[in-house]
Amino acid sequence: MSDGTDVEQLDAPPPISAEQRAKILADPNVAKMAAELEMDLEEFVRTVGYYLNNPGVEPAFLVVSDENLRKMGVEPPTAEAIEENVRESVEAIKAGQQSRSGFDDARKKTGVDLGSPGSDAVKTKTDPGLEDAMKKVRPPLKP
């Protein structure tokens, strides 16, 4: 069944240019990531290069038969285990959507009221001696 879009099937990532290979390998984390994924470094570099050269390509979703999973040493999950995983994922998504951070809330009023236009001016206490000293140093204000 085809919807008219071509799907590229690759057994292995295609070769990349020497310059691009060098650029990818310049990152010290590349070798660590390949090891963590238990991938051959060269295959990992070519895979990264492939996605760099084809930014619109989505990673493939592979369906493997239970028989082939067992051949690879992986026991396929039961229908119940898959259902439970889906339910847990849905609950996690719901919990993330329901819990809001403080950044989402509207600004809250603080305990300080700065007054509104038309309200009485704030009265301050001044030191008369300091006021006299300022008058002597500062030229008088023009009305």
N, C-alpha and C. Protein backbone atom coordinates (compact mmCIF):
# COMPACT_ATOMS: atom_id res chain seq x y z
N MET A 1 0.85 -1.16 0.00
CA MET A 1 0.00 0.00 0.00
C MET A 1 0.90 1.22 0.00
N SER A 2 0.70 2.11 -1.00
CA SER A 2 1.55 3.28 -1.13
C SER A 2 0.69 4.52 -1.27
N ASP A 3 1.13 5.60 -0.64
CA ASP A 3 0.39 6.86 -0.76
C ASP A 3 1.05 7.79 -1.76
N GLY A 4 1.97 7.28 -2.53
CA GLY A 4 2.63 8.07 -3.54
C GLY A 4 3.96 8.65 -3.09
N THR A 5 4.28 8.54 -1.80
CA THR A 5 5.56 9.04 -1.34
C THR A 5 6.57 7.91 -1.37
N ASP A 6 7.76 8.23 -1.80
CA ASP A 6 8.81 7.22 -1.86
C ASP A 6 9.52 7.13 -0.51
N VAL A 7 9.73 5.94 -0.06
CA VAL A 7 10.46 5.71 1.17
C VAL A 7 11.80 5.10 0.80
N GLU A 8 12.84 5.75 1.26
CA GLU A 8 14.17 5.28 0.94
C GLU A 8 14.55 4.17 1.91
N GLN A 9 14.92 3.04 1.40
CA GLN A 9 15.33 1.92 2.23
C GLN A 9 16.85 1.80 2.16
N LEU A 10 17.51 1.90 3.29
CA LEU A 10 18.96 1.81 3.33
C LEU A 10 19.36 0.66 4.24
N ASP A 11 20.27 -0.17 3.75
CA ASP A 11 20.81 -1.22 4.61
C ASP A 11 21.83 -0.62 5.57
N ALA A 12 22.51 0.41 5.10
CA ALA A 12 23.51 1.11 5.91
C ALA A 12 23.53 2.56 5.45
N PRO A 13 23.95 3.47 6.31
CA PRO A 13 24.00 4.87 5.89
C PRO A 13 25.01 5.05 4.76
N PRO A 14 24.74 5.95 3.82
CA PRO A 14 25.65 6.16 2.70
C PRO A 14 26.94 6.86 3.16
N PRO A 15 27.99 6.73 2.37
CA PRO A 15 29.24 7.42 2.71
C PRO A 15 29.05 8.94 2.72
N ILE A 16 29.88 9.63 3.49
CA ILE A 16 29.84 11.09 3.55
C ILE A 16 31.21 11.63 3.17
N SER A 17 31.28 12.92 2.93
CA SER A 17 32.55 13.53 2.53
C SER A 17 33.56 13.47 3.68
N ALA A 18 34.82 13.52 3.32
CA ALA A 18 35.90 13.49 4.31
C ALA A 18 35.82 14.71 5.23
N GLU A 19 35.43 15.87 4.65
CA GLU A 19 35.32 17.09 5.45
C GLU A 19 34.21 16.97 6.50
N GLN A 20 33.08 16.42 6.06
CA GLN A 20 31.96 16.27 6.99
C GLN A 20 32.30 15.23 8.06
N ARG A 21 32.96 14.16 7.66
CA ARG A 21 33.38 13.13 8.61
C ARG A 21 34.29 13.74 9.68
N ALA A 22 35.27 14.56 9.23
CA ALA A 22 36.20 15.20 10.16
C ALA A 22 35.47 16.14 11.11
N LYS A 23 34.49 16.88 10.58
CA LYS A 23 33.72 17.81 11.40
C LYS A 23 32.93 17.07 12.48
N ILE A 24 32.31 15.95 12.10
CA ILE A 24 31.54 15.17 13.07
C ILE A 24 32.46 14.57 14.13
N LEU A 25 33.59 14.04 13.69
CA LEU A 25 34.52 13.40 14.63
C LEU A 25 35.25 14.42 15.51
N ALA A 26 35.19 15.70 15.16
CA ALA A 26 35.84 16.73 15.99
C ALA A 26 35.14 16.85 17.35
N ASP A 27 33.89 16.45 17.42
CA ASP A 27 33.16 16.48 18.69
C ASP A 27 33.59 15.28 19.52
N PRO A 28 34.16 15.49 20.70
CA PRO A 28 34.63 14.37 21.51
C PRO A 28 33.52 13.45 22.00
N ASN A 29 32.29 13.91 21.96
CA ASN A 29 31.17 13.09 22.44
C ASN A 29 30.70 12.06 21.42
N VAL A 30 31.11 12.22 20.16
CA VAL A 30 30.63 11.31 19.11
C VAL A 30 31.05 9.87 19.41
N ALA A 31 32.29 9.67 19.75
CA ALA A 31 32.77 8.31 20.04
C ALA A 31 32.05 7.74 21.27
N LYS A 32 31.81 8.59 22.26
CA LYS A 32 31.10 8.14 23.46
C LYS A 32 29.67 7.72 23.13
N MET A 33 29.00 8.52 22.29
CA MET A 33 27.62 8.19 21.92
C MET A 33 27.57 6.89 21.13
N ALA A 34 28.51 6.71 20.20
CA ALA A 34 28.53 5.48 19.41
C ALA A 34 28.73 4.27 20.33
N ALA A 35 29.64 4.40 21.28
CA ALA A 35 29.89 3.30 22.22
C ALA A 35 28.66 3.03 23.07
N GLU A 36 28.01 4.09 23.54
CA GLU A 36 26.82 3.95 24.37
C GLU A 36 25.70 3.24 23.61
N LEU A 37 25.60 3.52 22.31
CA LEU A 37 24.58 2.89 21.48
C LEU A 37 25.02 1.55 20.91
N GLU A 38 26.23 1.15 21.28
CA GLU A 38 26.82 -0.11 20.80
C GLU A 38 26.84 -0.16 19.28
N MET A 39 27.22 0.99 18.66
CA MET A 39 27.32 1.09 17.21
C MET A 39 28.77 1.22 16.82
N ASP A 40 29.10 0.71 15.66
CA ASP A 40 30.42 0.93 15.08
C ASP A 40 30.57 2.43 14.87
N LEU A 41 31.73 2.98 15.23
CA LEU A 41 31.95 4.42 15.13
C LEU A 41 31.73 4.93 13.70
N GLU A 42 32.25 4.22 12.72
CA GLU A 42 32.11 4.64 11.33
C GLU A 42 30.64 4.66 10.91
N GLU A 43 29.89 3.65 11.30
CA GLU A 43 28.46 3.62 10.96
C GLU A 43 27.72 4.77 11.64
N PHE A 44 28.08 5.05 12.89
CA PHE A 44 27.45 6.15 13.63
C PHE A 44 27.74 7.49 12.94
N VAL A 45 28.98 7.70 12.55
CA VAL A 45 29.37 8.95 11.88
C VAL A 45 28.61 9.10 10.56
N ARG A 46 28.51 8.01 9.79
CA ARG A 46 27.77 8.07 8.53
C ARG A 46 26.29 8.33 8.77
N THR A 47 25.73 7.77 9.84
CA THR A 47 24.33 8.01 10.17
C THR A 47 24.10 9.48 10.50
N VAL A 48 24.96 10.04 11.34
CA VAL A 48 24.86 11.47 11.68
C VAL A 48 24.99 12.30 10.40
N GLY A 49 25.96 11.96 9.56
CA GLY A 49 26.16 12.67 8.30
C GLY A 49 24.94 12.59 7.40
N TYR A 50 24.31 11.43 7.36
CA TYR A 50 23.12 11.25 6.53
C TYR A 50 22.02 12.22 6.96
N TYR A 51 21.77 12.32 8.28
CA TYR A 51 20.72 13.20 8.77
C TYR A 51 21.11 14.68 8.62
N LEU A 52 22.41 14.98 8.69
CA LEU A 52 22.85 16.36 8.42
C LEU A 52 22.61 16.72 6.96
N ASN A 53 22.87 15.78 6.05
CA ASN A 53 22.69 16.03 4.62
C ASN A 53 21.23 15.99 4.19
N ASN A 54 20.38 15.38 4.98
CA ASN A 54 18.96 15.22 4.64
C ASN A 54 18.10 15.66 5.83
N PRO A 55 18.06 16.97 6.12
CA PRO A 55 17.37 17.43 7.34
C PRO A 55 15.88 17.15 7.38
N GLY A 56 15.24 16.93 6.24
CA GLY A 56 13.80 16.66 6.24
C GLY A 56 13.45 15.21 6.50
N VAL A 57 14.45 14.33 6.52
CA VAL A 57 14.19 12.90 6.68
C VAL A 57 13.94 12.59 8.15
N GLU A 58 12.89 11.87 8.39
CA GLU A 58 12.56 11.43 9.74
C GLU A 58 13.21 10.07 9.99
N PRO A 59 13.66 9.81 11.22
CA PRO A 59 14.20 8.48 11.51
C PRO A 59 13.13 7.42 11.25
N ALA A 60 13.56 6.27 10.78
CA ALA A 60 12.63 5.20 10.42
C ALA A 60 12.09 4.52 11.67
N PHE A 61 10.84 4.13 11.59
CA PHE A 61 10.22 3.33 12.64
C PHE A 61 10.20 1.92 12.10
N LEU A 62 10.92 1.04 12.74
CA LEU A 62 11.04 -0.32 12.23
C LEU A 62 10.14 -1.27 13.01
N VAL A 63 9.49 -2.13 12.28
CA VAL A 63 8.67 -3.17 12.89
C VAL A 63 9.41 -4.48 12.69
N VAL A 64 9.66 -5.15 13.78
CA VAL A 64 10.41 -6.41 13.74
C VAL A 64 9.50 -7.51 14.27
N SER A 65 9.48 -8.61 13.58
CA SER A 65 8.62 -9.72 14.02
C SER A 65 9.14 -10.29 15.34
N ASP A 66 8.24 -10.91 16.08
CA ASP A 66 8.63 -11.54 17.35
C ASP A 66 9.73 -12.56 17.13
N GLU A 67 9.63 -13.30 16.04
CA GLU A 67 10.62 -14.33 15.73
C GLU A 67 12.01 -13.70 15.55
N ASN A 68 12.07 -12.59 14.81
CA ASN A 68 13.36 -11.93 14.59
C ASN A 68 13.88 -11.27 15.86
N LEU A 69 12.98 -10.78 16.70
CA LEU A 69 13.42 -10.23 17.99
C LEU A 69 14.09 -11.32 18.82
N ARG A 70 13.49 -12.49 18.85
CA ARG A 70 14.06 -13.59 19.62
C ARG A 70 15.43 -14.00 19.07
N LYS A 71 15.57 -13.97 17.73
CA LYS A 71 16.86 -14.28 17.11
C LYS A 71 17.93 -13.27 17.54
N MET A 72 17.49 -12.04 17.78
CA MET A 72 18.41 -10.99 18.19
C MET A 72 18.65 -11.01 19.70
N GLY A 73 17.99 -11.93 20.39
CA GLY A 73 18.19 -12.06 21.83
C GLY A 73 17.29 -11.16 22.66
N VAL A 74 16.21 -10.68 22.05
CA VAL A 74 15.28 -9.79 22.75
C VAL A 74 13.94 -10.50 22.85
N GLU A 75 13.42 -10.58 24.06
CA GLU A 75 12.11 -11.19 24.25
C GLU A 75 11.05 -10.14 23.94
N PRO A 76 10.15 -10.42 23.01
CA PRO A 76 9.13 -9.43 22.65
C PRO A 76 8.19 -9.17 23.82
N PRO A 77 7.72 -7.93 23.97
CA PRO A 77 6.81 -7.63 25.08
C PRO A 77 5.43 -8.24 24.81
N THR A 78 4.73 -8.51 25.89
CA THR A 78 3.37 -9.04 25.76
C THR A 78 2.42 -7.89 25.43
N ALA A 79 1.23 -8.23 24.97
CA ALA A 79 0.23 -7.21 24.67
C ALA A 79 -0.10 -6.42 25.94
N GLU A 80 -0.13 -7.11 27.09
CA GLU A 80 -0.43 -6.45 28.36
C GLU A 80 0.67 -5.45 28.73
N ALA A 81 1.93 -5.83 28.49
CA ALA A 81 3.05 -4.93 28.81
C ALA A 81 3.02 -3.70 27.91
N ILE A 82 2.68 -3.89 26.64
CA ILE A 82 2.58 -2.76 25.72
C ILE A 82 1.44 -1.84 26.14
N GLU A 83 0.30 -2.43 26.50
CA GLU A 83 -0.85 -1.63 26.94
C GLU A 83 -0.50 -0.83 28.18
N GLU A 84 0.17 -1.46 29.13
CA GLU A 84 0.55 -0.77 30.37
C GLU A 84 1.51 0.37 30.07
N ASN A 85 2.45 0.17 29.15
CA ASN A 85 3.39 1.21 28.78
C ASN A 85 2.66 2.40 28.16
N VAL A 86 1.69 2.11 27.30
CA VAL A 86 0.92 3.18 26.67
C VAL A 86 0.13 3.94 27.72
N ARG A 87 -0.50 3.21 28.63
CA ARG A 87 -1.29 3.87 29.69
C ARG A 87 -0.39 4.77 30.56
N GLU A 88 0.78 4.27 30.93
CA GLU A 88 1.70 5.06 31.74
C GLU A 88 2.17 6.30 30.98
N SER A 89 2.41 6.15 29.70
CA SER A 89 2.85 7.29 28.88
C SER A 89 1.75 8.35 28.81
N VAL A 90 0.51 7.91 28.63
CA VAL A 90 -0.62 8.84 28.56
C VAL A 90 -0.76 9.56 29.89
N GLU A 91 -0.66 8.84 30.99
CA GLU A 91 -0.77 9.47 32.31
C GLU A 91 0.35 10.47 32.54
N ALA A 92 1.54 10.15 32.10
CA ALA A 92 2.67 11.08 32.25
C ALA A 92 2.44 12.34 31.44
N ILE A 93 1.90 12.18 30.24
CA ILE A 93 1.61 13.35 29.39
C ILE A 93 0.53 14.20 30.04
N LYS A 94 -0.52 13.54 30.55
CA LYS A 94 -1.61 14.28 31.22
C LYS A 94 -1.08 15.04 32.43
N ALA A 95 -0.25 14.39 33.22
CA ALA A 95 0.30 15.03 34.41
C ALA A 95 1.13 16.24 34.01
N GLY A 96 1.89 16.14 32.95
CA GLY A 96 2.70 17.26 32.49
C GLY A 96 1.86 18.41 31.99
N GLN A 97 0.69 18.10 31.42
CA GLN A 97 -0.19 19.16 30.91
C GLN A 97 -0.98 19.81 32.03
N GLN A 98 -1.23 19.07 33.09
CA GLN A 98 -2.05 19.60 34.17
C GLN A 98 -1.23 20.42 35.16
N SER A 99 0.00 20.04 35.37
CA SER A 99 0.80 20.79 36.33
C SER A 99 1.38 22.00 35.64
N ARG A 100 1.19 23.12 36.26
CA ARG A 100 1.66 24.36 35.66
C ARG A 100 2.79 24.91 36.51
N SER A 101 3.69 25.58 35.86
CA SER A 101 4.77 26.21 36.59
C SER A 101 4.32 27.60 37.02
N GLY A 102 5.05 28.22 37.90
CA GLY A 102 4.75 29.57 38.34
C GLY A 102 4.92 30.57 37.22
N PHE A 103 5.65 30.21 36.18
CA PHE A 103 5.86 31.12 35.07
C PHE A 103 4.61 31.27 34.22
N ASP A 104 3.71 30.30 34.28
CA ASP A 104 2.50 30.36 33.49
C ASP A 104 1.42 31.22 34.14
N ASP A 105 1.50 31.37 35.43
CA ASP A 105 0.47 32.12 36.14
C ASP A 105 0.55 33.60 35.82
N ALA A 106 -0.60 34.27 35.93
CA ALA A 106 -0.61 35.72 35.75
C ALA A 106 0.21 36.35 36.87
N ARG A 107 0.72 37.52 36.59
CA ARG A 107 1.53 38.18 37.62
C ARG A 107 0.69 38.38 38.89
N LYS A 108 1.29 38.04 39.98
CA LYS A 108 0.60 38.17 41.24
C LYS A 108 0.93 39.54 41.84
N LYS A 109 -0.02 40.08 42.62
CA LYS A 109 0.23 41.35 43.28
C LYS A 109 1.26 41.13 44.37
N THR A 110 2.16 42.06 44.45
CA THR A 110 3.14 42.01 45.53
C THR A 110 2.55 42.68 46.74
N GLY A 111 3.20 42.59 47.85
CA GLY A 111 2.72 43.22 49.08
C GLY A 111 2.96 44.72 49.11
N VAL A 112 3.61 45.29 48.11
CA VAL A 112 3.93 46.71 48.11
C VAL A 112 2.98 47.43 47.17
N ASP A 113 2.32 48.45 47.68
CA ASP A 113 1.44 49.27 46.85
C ASP A 113 2.16 50.57 46.56
N LEU A 114 2.46 50.82 45.31
CA LEU A 114 3.19 52.02 44.94
C LEU A 114 2.26 53.22 44.75
N GLY A 115 1.02 53.02 44.99
CA GLY A 115 0.07 54.11 44.87
C GLY A 115 -0.38 54.27 43.44
N SER A 116 -1.52 54.87 43.29
CA SER A 116 -2.04 55.09 41.95
C SER A 116 -2.05 56.58 41.69
N PRO A 117 -2.15 56.97 40.40
CA PRO A 117 -2.21 58.40 40.10
C PRO A 117 -3.39 59.03 40.84
N GLY A 118 -3.13 60.17 41.41
CA GLY A 118 -4.20 60.85 42.15
C GLY A 118 -4.19 60.51 43.62
N SER A 119 -3.41 59.53 44.03
CA SER A 119 -3.37 59.21 45.45
C SER A 119 -2.45 60.20 46.15
N ASP A 120 -2.53 60.25 47.43
CA ASP A 120 -1.70 61.19 48.19
C ASP A 120 -0.23 60.87 48.00
N ALA A 121 0.57 61.90 47.93
CA ALA A 121 2.01 61.73 47.78
C ALA A 121 2.56 61.11 49.06
N VAL A 122 3.62 60.42 48.92
CA VAL A 122 4.25 59.79 50.06
C VAL A 122 4.93 60.87 50.87
N LYS A 123 4.65 60.87 52.13
CA LYS A 123 5.26 61.86 53.02
C LYS A 123 6.57 61.30 53.54
N THR A 124 7.60 62.13 53.48
CA THR A 124 8.91 61.70 53.95
C THR A 124 9.35 62.59 55.09
N LYS A 125 10.15 62.05 55.93
CA LYS A 125 10.73 62.82 57.03
C LYS A 125 12.09 63.31 56.57
N THR A 126 12.36 64.58 56.79
CA THR A 126 13.65 65.12 56.40
C THR A 126 14.35 65.71 57.60
N ASP A 127 15.65 65.74 57.50
CA ASP A 127 16.48 66.33 58.55
C ASP A 127 16.61 67.82 58.23
N PRO A 128 16.09 68.72 59.07
CA PRO A 128 16.16 70.15 58.77
C PRO A 128 17.60 70.64 58.57
N GLY A 129 18.54 70.12 59.32
CA GLY A 129 19.94 70.53 59.16
C GLY A 129 20.48 70.16 57.79
N LEU A 130 20.10 68.96 57.31
CA LEU A 130 20.53 68.52 55.98
C LEU A 130 19.89 69.37 54.91
N GLU A 131 18.62 69.75 55.13
CA GLU A 131 17.92 70.61 54.17
C GLU A 131 18.62 71.96 54.04
N ASP A 132 19.01 72.54 55.17
CA ASP A 132 19.70 73.85 55.16
C ASP A 132 21.05 73.73 54.45
N ALA A 133 21.76 72.66 54.70
CA ALA A 133 23.07 72.46 54.06
C ALA A 133 22.91 72.34 52.55
N MET A 134 21.88 71.67 52.10
CA MET A 134 21.63 71.51 50.67
C MET A 134 21.29 72.84 50.02
N LYS A 135 20.51 73.68 50.73
CA LYS A 135 20.13 74.98 50.19
C LYS A 135 21.36 75.86 49.99
N LYS A 136 22.33 75.75 50.90
CA LYS A 136 23.54 76.57 50.80
C LYS A 136 24.39 76.12 49.61
N VAL A 137 24.46 74.82 49.33
CA VAL A 137 25.32 74.28 48.29
C VAL A 137 24.65 74.36 46.91
N ARG A 138 23.38 74.08 46.86
CA ARG A 138 22.65 74.02 45.60
C ARG A 138 22.05 75.37 45.28
N PRO A 139 22.16 75.75 43.99
CA PRO A 139 21.52 77.01 43.63
C PRO A 139 20.01 76.88 43.74
N PRO A 140 19.33 77.97 43.99
CA PRO A 140 17.88 77.88 44.16
C PRO A 140 17.20 77.40 42.87
N LEU A 141 16.11 76.68 43.05
CA LEU A 141 15.34 76.18 41.92
C LEU A 141 14.52 77.32 41.34
N LYS A 142 14.44 77.38 40.01
CA LYS A 142 13.64 78.41 39.37
C LYS A 142 12.18 77.92 39.32
N PRO A 143 11.26 78.84 39.61
CA PRO A 143 9.86 78.45 39.59
C PRO A 143 9.33 78.25 38.18
